[in-house]
Amino acid sequence: MYVLSAIVSLTLLGLTLGFLLGIAARYLKVESSPIVDELESLLPGSQCGQC
């Protein structure tokens, strides 16, 4: 009985927090600047092998 209640409570907690994170990601989204995107395309990536 305790195992079932633990599974149900953790499942509900996970679903609730996941739903809240999804809402927060939608409303708190940061728009990227086109200048930053252009500069990042000119720079080498972190795995460029130029070290």
N, C-alpha and C. Protein backbone atom coordinates (compact mmCIF):
# COMPACT_ATOMS: atom_id res chain seq x y z
N MET A 1 0.81 -1.19 0.00
CA MET A 1 0.00 0.00 0.00
C MET A 1 0.86 1.26 0.00
N TYR A 2 1.94 1.26 0.79
CA TYR A 2 2.82 2.43 0.84
C TYR A 2 3.55 2.63 -0.48
N VAL A 3 3.88 1.54 -1.13
CA VAL A 3 4.58 1.64 -2.41
C VAL A 3 3.67 2.27 -3.46
N LEU A 4 2.42 1.87 -3.48
CA LEU A 4 1.48 2.42 -4.45
C LEU A 4 1.25 3.91 -4.22
N SER A 5 1.10 4.31 -2.97
CA SER A 5 0.89 5.73 -2.69
C SER A 5 2.14 6.55 -3.02
N ALA A 6 3.32 5.98 -2.83
CA ALA A 6 4.55 6.68 -3.19
C ALA A 6 4.66 6.84 -4.70
N ILE A 7 4.31 5.81 -5.44
CA ILE A 7 4.36 5.88 -6.90
C ILE A 7 3.37 6.91 -7.43
N VAL A 8 2.17 6.90 -6.90
CA VAL A 8 1.14 7.85 -7.35
C VAL A 8 1.53 9.28 -7.00
N SER A 9 2.03 9.50 -5.78
CA SER A 9 2.38 10.87 -5.38
C SER A 9 3.56 11.39 -6.17
N LEU A 10 4.56 10.58 -6.44
CA LEU A 10 5.71 11.02 -7.23
C LEU A 10 5.32 11.25 -8.69
N THR A 11 4.41 10.45 -9.21
CA THR A 11 3.93 10.65 -10.57
C THR A 11 3.18 11.96 -10.69
N LEU A 12 2.30 12.23 -9.74
CA LEU A 12 1.55 13.50 -9.76
C LEU A 12 2.48 14.69 -9.58
N LEU A 13 3.47 14.56 -8.72
CA LEU A 13 4.44 15.63 -8.53
C LEU A 13 5.23 15.89 -9.80
N GLY A 14 5.67 14.84 -10.47
CA GLY A 14 6.41 14.98 -11.72
C GLY A 14 5.58 15.60 -12.82
N LEU A 15 4.33 15.18 -12.94
CA LEU A 15 3.46 15.75 -13.96
C LEU A 15 3.17 17.22 -13.70
N THR A 16 2.93 17.56 -12.44
CA THR A 16 2.64 18.95 -12.09
C THR A 16 3.84 19.85 -12.35
N LEU A 17 5.01 19.42 -11.90
CA LEU A 17 6.21 20.23 -12.11
C LEU A 17 6.57 20.31 -13.59
N GLY A 18 6.38 19.24 -14.33
CA GLY A 18 6.63 19.28 -15.77
C GLY A 18 5.69 20.23 -16.49
N PHE A 19 4.44 20.24 -16.08
CA PHE A 19 3.47 21.17 -16.67
C PHE A 19 3.85 22.61 -16.36
N LEU A 20 4.24 22.87 -15.11
CA LEU A 20 4.65 24.23 -14.73
C LEU A 20 5.92 24.66 -15.46
N LEU A 21 6.85 23.76 -15.65
CA LEU A 21 8.06 24.09 -16.41
C LEU A 21 7.75 24.38 -17.87
N GLY A 22 6.81 23.65 -18.44
CA GLY A 22 6.40 23.91 -19.81
C GLY A 22 5.77 25.28 -19.97
N ILE A 23 4.94 25.66 -19.01
CA ILE A 23 4.32 26.99 -19.05
C ILE A 23 5.39 28.07 -18.88
N ALA A 24 6.31 27.86 -17.94
CA ALA A 24 7.36 28.85 -17.70
C ALA A 24 8.26 28.99 -18.92
N ALA A 25 8.55 27.90 -19.60
CA ALA A 25 9.40 27.97 -20.79
C ALA A 25 8.72 28.76 -21.90
N ARG A 26 7.42 28.66 -21.98
CA ARG A 26 6.69 29.39 -23.01
C ARG A 26 6.64 30.89 -22.72
N TYR A 27 6.40 31.26 -21.47
CA TYR A 27 6.24 32.67 -21.12
C TYR A 27 7.57 33.39 -20.86
N LEU A 28 8.61 32.67 -20.49
CA LEU A 28 9.89 33.28 -20.16
C LEU A 28 10.94 33.07 -21.24
N LYS A 29 10.49 32.81 -22.47
CA LYS A 29 11.40 32.54 -23.57
C LYS A 29 12.20 33.80 -23.90
N VAL A 30 13.51 33.64 -24.13
CA VAL A 30 14.38 34.75 -24.46
C VAL A 30 14.60 34.74 -25.97
N GLU A 31 14.28 35.85 -26.60
CA GLU A 31 14.48 35.97 -28.04
C GLU A 31 15.95 36.24 -28.34
N SER A 32 16.46 35.60 -29.37
CA SER A 32 17.86 35.76 -29.75
C SER A 32 18.01 36.94 -30.70
N SER A 33 19.09 37.66 -30.52
CA SER A 33 19.37 38.82 -31.37
C SER A 33 19.99 38.35 -32.68
N PRO A 34 19.61 38.92 -33.82
CA PRO A 34 20.22 38.52 -35.09
C PRO A 34 21.71 38.83 -35.15
N ILE A 35 22.15 39.86 -34.44
CA ILE A 35 23.58 40.19 -34.42
C ILE A 35 24.36 39.09 -33.70
N VAL A 36 23.83 38.59 -32.61
CA VAL A 36 24.49 37.52 -31.87
C VAL A 36 24.55 36.26 -32.71
N ASP A 37 23.48 35.94 -33.42
CA ASP A 37 23.48 34.76 -34.29
C ASP A 37 24.52 34.88 -35.39
N GLU A 38 24.67 36.07 -35.96
CA GLU A 38 25.65 36.28 -37.02
C GLU A 38 27.07 36.15 -36.47
N LEU A 39 27.33 36.70 -35.30
CA LEU A 39 28.66 36.59 -34.70
C LEU A 39 28.99 35.15 -34.33
N GLU A 40 28.03 34.41 -33.82
CA GLU A 40 28.28 33.01 -33.47
C GLU A 40 28.56 32.16 -34.71
N SER A 41 27.97 32.51 -35.84
CA SER A 41 28.25 31.75 -37.06
C SER A 41 29.66 32.02 -37.57
N LEU A 42 30.23 33.18 -37.24
CA LEU A 42 31.59 33.50 -37.67
C LEU A 42 32.65 32.87 -36.77
N LEU A 43 32.32 32.61 -35.52
CA LEU A 43 33.28 32.06 -34.57
C LEU A 43 33.35 30.54 -34.69
N PRO A 44 34.52 29.96 -34.39
CA PRO A 44 34.61 28.50 -34.42
C PRO A 44 33.82 27.90 -33.26
N GLY A 45 33.37 26.68 -33.44
CA GLY A 45 32.62 26.01 -32.39
C GLY A 45 33.53 25.50 -31.29
N SER A 46 32.96 24.92 -30.26
CA SER A 46 33.76 24.45 -29.13
C SER A 46 34.56 23.20 -29.49
N GLN A 47 34.17 22.49 -30.52
CA GLN A 47 34.87 21.28 -30.95
C GLN A 47 35.57 21.50 -32.28
N CYS A 48 36.22 22.64 -32.44
CA CYS A 48 36.77 22.99 -33.75
C CYS A 48 38.11 22.31 -34.01
N GLY A 49 38.87 21.95 -32.98
CA GLY A 49 40.15 21.31 -33.15
C GLY A 49 41.28 22.28 -33.44
N GLN A 50 41.10 23.56 -33.22
CA GLN A 50 42.13 24.55 -33.48
C GLN A 50 43.00 24.82 -32.25
N CYS A 51 42.75 24.14 -31.19
CA CYS A 51 43.52 24.40 -29.96
C CYS A 51 44.94 23.95 -30.17
